[in-house]
């Protein structure tokens, strides 16, 4: 099999495993390394599109040159308003689930991440905004038992997304393509140009 054939086969396989009903909302995360790490995790579990919500911070510049960069494989949609972001996602059928440590937060492991879900992760210092928490369908936390009760935002996102992948794999969510044939062909065509 030629290198071109192997690449085409890989693009087809990866496209067939994309999870259009799982997304991440990155809210005001300012470190480009954290955003890039989140995008890499999104690619790893099959998230095709992330939501970039920047209301207080500037959207960081993301590098496109590294072969490990997920910028070329994961689509990004930008929002400047919590209201518009949440309204759009809920209108598309997503349950909005915001991370927040503290009273009233459910455990990550009690969430059903097999349904259409938008995971919201927040700024490195402030976390997810109160405005977003107020509009979320669920507020949850990653259970922790150490002295420090927080993780780096990219690490937290990886823990959450791999739990979503575990649940989806166990329920057969990766067995059949979720993108329709036309969307899959269009995605492969876009990827082939990169």
Foldseek 3Di string as FASTA:
>chain_A
DDPVVVVLVVLLLLLQQADQLEEEEEEQAADLVLVQLLLLLCSVLRHAEYEYEYQDHDDDDHDDPDPSGSPQRHHYHYDNDLVVVLVVLVVVPEQEEEEDDDPPAAELVVDQLQGRYYYYFYYQPPTDDPVNVVSGPHYHYHDDDDPDRDDGRSVRSSVSSVVSSVNCVVVVVRVGGPDDPVVSVVSSVSSVVD
